[in-house]
C-alpha atoms as a PDB file:
ATOM      1  CA  UNK A   1      -3.715   4.443  -2.301  1.00  0.00           C
ATOM      2  CA  UNK A   2      -3.960   3.696   1.151  1.00  0.00           C
ATOM      3  CA  UNK A   3      -3.540  -0.143   2.661  1.00  0.00           C
ATOM      4  CA  UNK A   4      -5.273  -1.403   5.604  1.00  0.00           C
ATOM      5  CA  UNK A   5      -3.595  -3.486   8.269  1.00  0.00           C
ATOM      6  CA  UNK A   6      -6.245  -6.071  10.033  1.00  0.00           C
ATOM      7  CA  UNK A   7      -3.529  -6.239  12.814  1.00  0.00           C
ATOM      8  CA  UNK A   8      -5.278  -2.608  14.044  1.00  0.00           C
ATOM      9  CA  UNK A   9      -8.587  -4.260  14.269  1.00  0.00           C
ATOM     10  CA  UNK A  10      -7.949  -6.018  17.413  1.00  0.00           C
ATOM     11  CA  UNK A  11     -11.032  -6.566  19.340  1.00  0.00           C
ATOM     12  CA  UNK A  12     -13.790  -5.806  16.622  1.00  0.00           C
ATOM     13  CA  UNK A  13     -15.252  -8.004  14.324  1.00  0.00           C
ATOM     14  CA  UNK A  14     -13.533  -8.192  10.978  1.00  0.00           C
ATOM     15  CA  UNK A  15     -16.672  -7.234   8.857  1.00  0.00           C
ATOM     16  CA  UNK A  16     -17.416  -4.631  11.151  1.00  0.00           C
ATOM     17  CA  UNK A  17     -13.819  -3.075  10.741  1.00  0.00           C
ATOM     18  CA  UNK A  18     -14.173  -3.583   7.163  1.00  0.00           C
ATOM     19  CA  UNK A  19     -17.398  -1.305   7.038  1.00  0.00           C
ATOM     20  CA  UNK A  20     -15.450   1.384   9.419  1.00  0.00           C
ATOM     21  CA  UNK A  21     -12.885   1.715   6.239  1.00  0.00           C
ATOM     22  CA  UNK A  22     -13.296   3.524   2.986  1.00  0.00           C
ATOM     23  CA  UNK A  23     -12.208   1.041   1.257  1.00  0.00           C
ATOM     24  CA  UNK A  24     -15.013  -2.329   2.212  1.00  0.00           C
ATOM     25  CA  UNK A  25     -13.787  -4.834  -0.297  1.00  0.00           C
ATOM     26  CA  UNK A  26     -10.799  -3.723  -1.711  1.00  0.00           C
ATOM     27  CA  UNK A  27      -9.333  -3.301   1.603  1.00  0.00           C
ATOM     28  CA  UNK A  28      -9.978  -7.029   2.126  1.00  0.00           C
ATOM     29  CA  UNK A  29      -8.042  -7.774  -1.349  1.00  0.00           C
ATOM     30  CA  UNK A  30      -5.341  -5.651  -0.212  1.00  0.00           C
ATOM     31  CA  UNK A  31      -5.319  -6.849   3.056  1.00  0.00           C
ATOM     32  CA  UNK A  32      -4.904 -10.521   2.254  1.00  0.00           C
ATOM     33  CA  UNK A  33      -2.376  -9.795  -0.732  1.00  0.00           C
ATOM     34  CA  UNK A  34      -0.028  -7.362   1.487  1.00  0.00           C
ATOM     35  CA  UNK A  35       1.778 -10.131   3.936  1.00  0.00           C
ATOM     36  CA  UNK A  36       2.429 -11.849   0.428  1.00  0.00           C
ATOM     37  CA  UNK A  37       3.548  -8.740  -1.079  1.00  0.00           C
ATOM     38  CA  UNK A  38       5.898  -7.628   2.371  1.00  0.00           C
ATOM     39  CA  UNK A  39       7.364 -11.676   1.864  1.00  0.00           C
ATOM     40  CA  UNK A  40       8.311 -11.008  -1.639  1.00  0.00           C
ATOM     41  CA  UNK A  41      10.189  -7.201  -0.795  1.00  0.00           C
ATOM     42  CA  UNK A  42      11.628  -8.936   2.313  1.00  0.00           C
ATOM     43  CA  UNK A  43      13.283 -11.854   0.263  1.00  0.00           C
ATOM     44  CA  UNK A  44      15.777  -9.614  -1.958  1.00  0.00           C
ATOM     45  CA  UNK A  45      18.144  -8.093   0.476  1.00  0.00           C
ATOM     46  CA  UNK A  46      19.423  -5.943  -2.425  1.00  0.00           C
ATOM     47  CA  UNK A  47      15.868  -3.869  -2.902  1.00  0.00           C
ATOM     48  CA  UNK A  48      14.264  -3.784   0.853  1.00  0.00           C
ATOM     49  CA  UNK A  49      15.145  -3.974   4.413  1.00  0.00           C
ATOM     50  CA  UNK A  50      12.475  -4.472   7.559  1.00  0.00           C
ATOM     51  CA  UNK A  51      13.332  -2.441  10.517  1.00  0.00           C
ATOM     52  CA  UNK A  52      11.865  -2.531  14.392  1.00  0.00           C
ATOM     53  CA  UNK A  53      12.544  -0.653  16.843  1.00  0.00           C
ATOM     54  CA  UNK A  54      11.005   0.459  20.122  1.00  0.00           C
ATOM     55  CA  UNK A  55      10.905   3.535  22.190  1.00  0.00           C
ATOM     56  CA  UNK A  56       9.053   4.448  25.518  1.00  0.00           C
ATOM     57  CA  UNK A  57       6.324   6.516  23.266  1.00  0.00           C
ATOM     58  CA  UNK A  58       5.933   4.287  19.919  1.00  0.00           C
ATOM     59  CA  UNK A  59       6.825   1.003  18.215  1.00  0.00           C
ATOM     60  CA  UNK A  60       7.831   1.213  14.345  1.00  0.00           C
ATOM     61  CA  UNK A  61       8.214  -0.977  11.613  1.00  0.00           C
ATOM     62  CA  UNK A  62       9.889   0.063   8.730  1.00  0.00           C
ATOM     63  CA  UNK A  63       9.692  -1.851   5.168  1.00  0.00           C
ATOM     64  CA  UNK A  64      11.097  -0.011   2.148  1.00  0.00           C
ATOM     65  CA  UNK A  65      11.182  -0.599  -1.025  1.00  0.00           C
ATOM     66  CA  UNK A  66      13.390   2.283  -2.631  1.00  0.00           C
ATOM     67  CA  UNK A  67      10.086   4.504  -2.906  1.00  0.00           C
ATOM     68  CA  UNK A  68      10.516   7.964  -4.867  1.00  0.00           C
ATOM     69  CA  UNK A  69       8.993  10.200  -2.387  1.00  0.00           C
ATOM     70  CA  UNK A  70       9.952   9.495   1.394  1.00  0.00           C
ATOM     71  CA  UNK A  71       6.821   8.490   3.913  1.00  0.00           C
ATOM     72  CA  UNK A  72       5.729  11.159   6.355  1.00  0.00           C
ATOM     73  CA  UNK A  73       6.341  10.111   9.813  1.00  0.00           C
ATOM     74  CA  UNK A  74       3.815   9.906  13.154  1.00  0.00           C
ATOM     75  CA  UNK A  75       5.414  12.533  14.538  1.00  0.00           C
ATOM     76  CA  UNK A  76       3.414  14.768  12.646  1.00  0.00           C
ATOM     77  CA  UNK A  77       0.218  13.219  15.002  1.00  0.00           C
ATOM     78  CA  UNK A  78       1.903  13.254  18.554  1.00  0.00           C
ATOM     79  CA  UNK A  79      -0.470  11.361  20.986  1.00  0.00           C
ATOM     80  CA  UNK A  80      -1.358  14.548  23.136  1.00  0.00           C
ATOM     81  CA  UNK A  81      -2.559  16.260  19.801  1.00  0.00           C
ATOM     82  CA  UNK A  82      -4.769  13.322  18.640  1.00  0.00           C
ATOM     83  CA  UNK A  83      -6.132  12.900  21.730  1.00  0.00           C
ATOM     84  CA  UNK A  84      -7.120  16.878  22.506  1.00  0.00           C
ATOM     85  CA  UNK A  85      -8.383  16.638  19.233  1.00  0.00           C
ATOM     86  CA  UNK A  86     -10.595  13.790  19.652  1.00  0.00           C
ATOM     87  CA  UNK A  87     -11.889  14.505  22.842  1.00  0.00           C
ATOM     88  CA  UNK A  88     -10.513  10.771  24.288  1.00  0.00           C
ATOM     89  CA  UNK A  89      -7.548   9.500  25.874  1.00  0.00           C
ATOM     90  CA  UNK A  90      -4.831   7.630  23.563  1.00  0.00           C
ATOM     91  CA  UNK A  91      -2.153   5.780  23.639  1.00  0.00           C
ATOM     92  CA  UNK A  92       0.632   4.971  20.854  1.00  0.00           C
ATOM     93  CA  UNK A  93       1.520   5.407  18.127  1.00  0.00           C
ATOM     94  CA  UNK A  94       2.031   2.580  16.885  1.00  0.00           C
ATOM     95  CA  UNK A  95       3.731   3.213  13.306  1.00  0.00           C
ATOM     96  CA  UNK A  96       3.753   1.072  10.326  1.00  0.00           C
ATOM     97  CA  UNK A  97       5.776   2.578   7.151  1.00  0.00           C
ATOM     98  CA  UNK A  98       5.218   0.646   3.478  1.00  0.00           C
ATOM     99  CA  UNK A  99       7.058   2.620   0.810  1.00  0.00           C
ATOM    100  CA  UNK A 100       5.312   6.063   0.859  1.00  0.00           C
ATOM    101  CA  UNK A 101       2.363   5.029   3.385  1.00  0.00           C
ATOM    102  CA  UNK A 102       2.674   5.519   7.161  1.00  0.00           C
ATOM    103  CA  UNK A 103       0.021   4.166   9.136  1.00  0.00           C
ATOM    104  CA  UNK A 104      -0.187   5.014  12.908  1.00  0.00           C
ATOM    105  CA  UNK A 105      -2.447   3.101  15.034  1.00  0.00           C
ATOM    106  CA  UNK A 106      -3.324   4.585  18.018  1.00  0.00           C
ATOM    107  CA  UNK A 107      -5.169   2.782  21.030  1.00  0.00           C
ATOM    108  CA  UNK A 108      -8.376   4.152  23.313  1.00  0.00           C
ATOM    109  CA  UNK A 109     -11.029   2.579  25.700  1.00  0.00           C
ATOM    110  CA  UNK A 110     -13.316   3.492  22.606  1.00  0.00           C
ATOM    111  CA  UNK A 111     -11.491   1.852  20.137  1.00  0.00           C
ATOM    112  CA  UNK A 112      -8.509   2.283  17.987  1.00  0.00           C
ATOM    113  CA  UNK A 113      -7.827   5.353  16.035  1.00  0.00           C
ATOM    114  CA  UNK A 114      -5.949   5.100  12.814  1.00  0.00           C
ATOM    115  CA  UNK A 115      -3.854   8.360  11.159  1.00  0.00           C
ATOM    116  CA  UNK A 116      -2.565   7.451   7.848  1.00  0.00           C
ATOM    117  CA  UNK A 117      -0.169   9.537   5.776  1.00  0.00           C
ATOM    118  CA  UNK A 118       0.752   9.350   2.205  1.00  0.00           C
ATOM    119  CA  UNK A 119       3.902  11.156   0.681  1.00  0.00           C
ATOM    120  CA  UNK A 120       2.899  10.132  -2.849  1.00  0.00           C
ATOM    121  CA  UNK A 121      -0.834  10.673  -3.882  1.00  0.00           C
ATOM    122  CA  UNK A 122      -2.396  11.142  -6.829  1.00  0.00           C
ATOM    123  CA  UNK A 123      -5.560  12.690  -7.625  1.00  0.00           C
ATOM    124  CA  UNK A 124      -6.325   9.076  -9.491  1.00  0.00           C
ATOM    125  CA  UNK A 125      -5.585   7.350  -6.315  1.00  0.00           C
ATOM    126  CA  UNK A 126      -7.860   9.474  -4.651  1.00  0.00           C
ATOM    127  CA  UNK A 127     -10.946   9.000  -7.048  1.00  0.00           C
ATOM    128  CA  UNK A 128     -10.115   5.304  -6.749  1.00  0.00           C
ATOM    129  CA  UNK A 129     -10.276   5.276  -3.186  1.00  0.00           C
ATOM    130  CA  UNK A 130     -13.494   7.553  -3.039  1.00  0.00           C
ATOM    131  CA  UNK A 131     -14.787   4.942  -6.052  1.00  0.00           C
ATOM    132  CA  UNK A 132     -14.029   1.679  -3.412  1.00  0.00           C
ATOM    133  CA  UNK A 133     -16.138   3.625  -0.872  1.00  0.00           C
ATOM    134  CA  UNK A 134     -19.353   3.826  -2.521  1.00  0.00           C
ATOM    135  CA  UNK A 135     -20.889   1.582  -0.202  1.00  0.00           C
ATOM    136  CA  UNK A 136     -19.895   3.631   2.626  1.00  0.00           C
ATOM    137  CA  UNK A 137     -21.885   7.079   1.154  1.00  0.00           C
ATOM    138  CA  UNK A 138     -18.729   9.202   0.789  1.00  0.00           C
ATOM    139  CA  UNK A 139     -19.782  12.605   1.361  1.00  0.00           C
ATOM    140  CA  UNK A 140     -17.694  15.767  -0.037  1.00  0.00           C
ATOM    141  CA  UNK A 141     -15.784  18.040   2.594  1.00  0.00           C
ATOM    142  CA  UNK A 142     -15.381  21.150   1.924  1.00  0.00           C
ATOM    143  CA  UNK A 143     -12.267  23.246   3.615  1.00  0.00           C
ATOM    144  CA  UNK A 144      -9.539  20.617   3.569  1.00  0.00           C
ATOM    145  CA  UNK A 145      -7.011  20.447   1.185  1.00  0.00           C
ATOM    146  CA  UNK A 146      -7.579  20.208  -2.305  1.00  0.00           C
ATOM    147  CA  UNK A 147     -10.167  17.915  -1.832  1.00  0.00           C
ATOM    148  CA  UNK A 148     -11.802  15.879   0.730  1.00  0.00           C
ATOM    149  CA  UNK A 149     -14.604  12.932   1.036  1.00  0.00           C
ATOM    150  CA  UNK A 150     -16.203  11.863   4.984  1.00  0.00           C
ATOM    151  CA  UNK A 151     -17.856   8.115   5.566  1.00  0.00           C
ATOM    152  CA  UNK A 152     -19.675   6.997   8.324  1.00  0.00           C
ATOM    153  CA  UNK A 153     -20.116   3.516   9.798  1.00  0.00           C
ATOM    154  CA  UNK A 154     -22.739   4.039  11.995  1.00  0.00           C
ATOM    155  CA  UNK A 155     -22.182   3.004  15.644  1.00  0.00           C
ATOM    156  CA  UNK A 156     -18.517   2.188  14.829  1.00  0.00           C
ATOM    157  CA  UNK A 157     -16.346   5.289  13.457  1.00  0.00           C
ATOM    158  CA  UNK A 158     -16.367   8.177  11.203  1.00  0.00           C
ATOM    159  CA  UNK A 159     -13.157   8.320   8.609  1.00  0.00           C
ATOM    160  CA  UNK A 160     -12.000  11.638   6.412  1.00  0.00           C
ATOM    161  CA  UNK A 161      -9.608  11.125   3.640  1.00  0.00           C
ATOM    162  CA  UNK A 162      -8.122  14.426   2.062  1.00  0.00           C
ATOM    163  CA  UNK A 163      -5.633  14.909  -0.759  1.00  0.00           C
ATOM    164  CA  UNK A 164      -3.266  18.054  -0.379  1.00  0.00           C
ATOM    165  CA  UNK A 165      -1.277  18.448  -3.549  1.00  0.00           C
ATOM    166  CA  UNK A 166       0.662  15.104  -3.503  1.00  0.00           C
ATOM    167  CA  UNK A 167      -0.050  13.984   0.420  1.00  0.00           C
ATOM    168  CA  UNK A 168      -3.107  11.704   1.395  1.00  0.00           C
ATOM    169  CA  UNK A 169      -4.145  12.036   5.155  1.00  0.00           C
ATOM    170  CA  UNK A 170      -6.765   9.581   6.138  1.00  0.00           C
ATOM    171  CA  UNK A 171      -8.272   9.887   9.753  1.00  0.00           C
ATOM    172  CA  UNK A 172     -10.661   7.307  11.009  1.00  0.00           C
ATOM    173  CA  UNK A 173     -11.778   6.711  14.743  1.00  0.00           C
ATOM    174  CA  UNK A 174     -14.518   5.908  17.110  1.00  0.00           C
ATOM    175  CA  UNK A 175     -15.505   9.376  17.579  1.00  0.00           C
ATOM    176  CA  UNK A 176     -17.861  12.266  15.372  1.00  0.00           C
ATOM    177  CA  UNK A 177     -16.827  13.877  12.130  1.00  0.00           C
ATOM    178  CA  UNK A 178     -16.423  17.135  14.154  1.00  0.00           C
ATOM    179  CA  UNK A 179     -13.643  15.516  15.741  1.00  0.00           C
ATOM    180  CA  UNK A 180     -12.081  14.086  13.392  1.00  0.00           C
ATOM    181  CA  UNK A 181     -12.238  17.390  11.588  1.00  0.00           C
ATOM    182  CA  UNK A 182     -10.573  18.855  14.417  1.00  0.00           C
ATOM    183  CA  UNK A 183      -7.688  16.637  14.211  1.00  0.00           C
ATOM    184  CA  UNK A 184      -6.994  17.212  10.284  1.00  0.00           C
ATOM    185  CA  UNK A 185      -7.509  20.731  11.318  1.00  0.00           C
ATOM    186  CA  UNK A 186      -3.869  20.158  13.351  1.00  0.00           C
ATOM    187  CA  UNK A 187      -2.098  18.195  10.731  1.00  0.00           C
ATOM    188  CA  UNK A 188      -2.832  19.472   7.641  1.00  0.00           C
ATOM    189  CA  UNK A 189      -0.811  22.762   8.010  1.00  0.00           C
ATOM    190  CA  UNK A 190       2.123  20.437   8.600  1.00  0.00           C
ATOM    191  CA  UNK A 191       1.719  18.294   5.404  1.00  0.00           C
END
């Protein structure tokens, strides 16, 4: 399942941000427990490590706990491609890796864009995410991977979640669903 990092909601009311994700209340619970889980993982030097590195184009924070499958990289969604597909100028990404999930946050004048990868997504996890999105009325979308659904938080953002084999892709941003789908079409062939 995908995790939500509340630090990406800068400038937004946290309640509005929760509505802009597909998880609603489930996201709040995960976000509240994530710092505790990360603290527990980082207290054992034999099973995990934390690394922060910076470059001129992006920042990366990694936390690994010996995942079965390696996380996908934000290199699959360069800022130039995200900007072109979404029709807005973005900077970043700032990347956060937790086990098999990679969250790539881009900033723009219109708000944050999140491209999130999961390198070990199951059909059960996808179904659970769709169930958790029920308050946002998920709509099945065809033509993307094995399964896909979208949600809309009116006036805030559109989200598309895709299951392709054992990979998951989530894209959310303050743009139309058509623009989110255009970005998905650019990224999916790389998975």
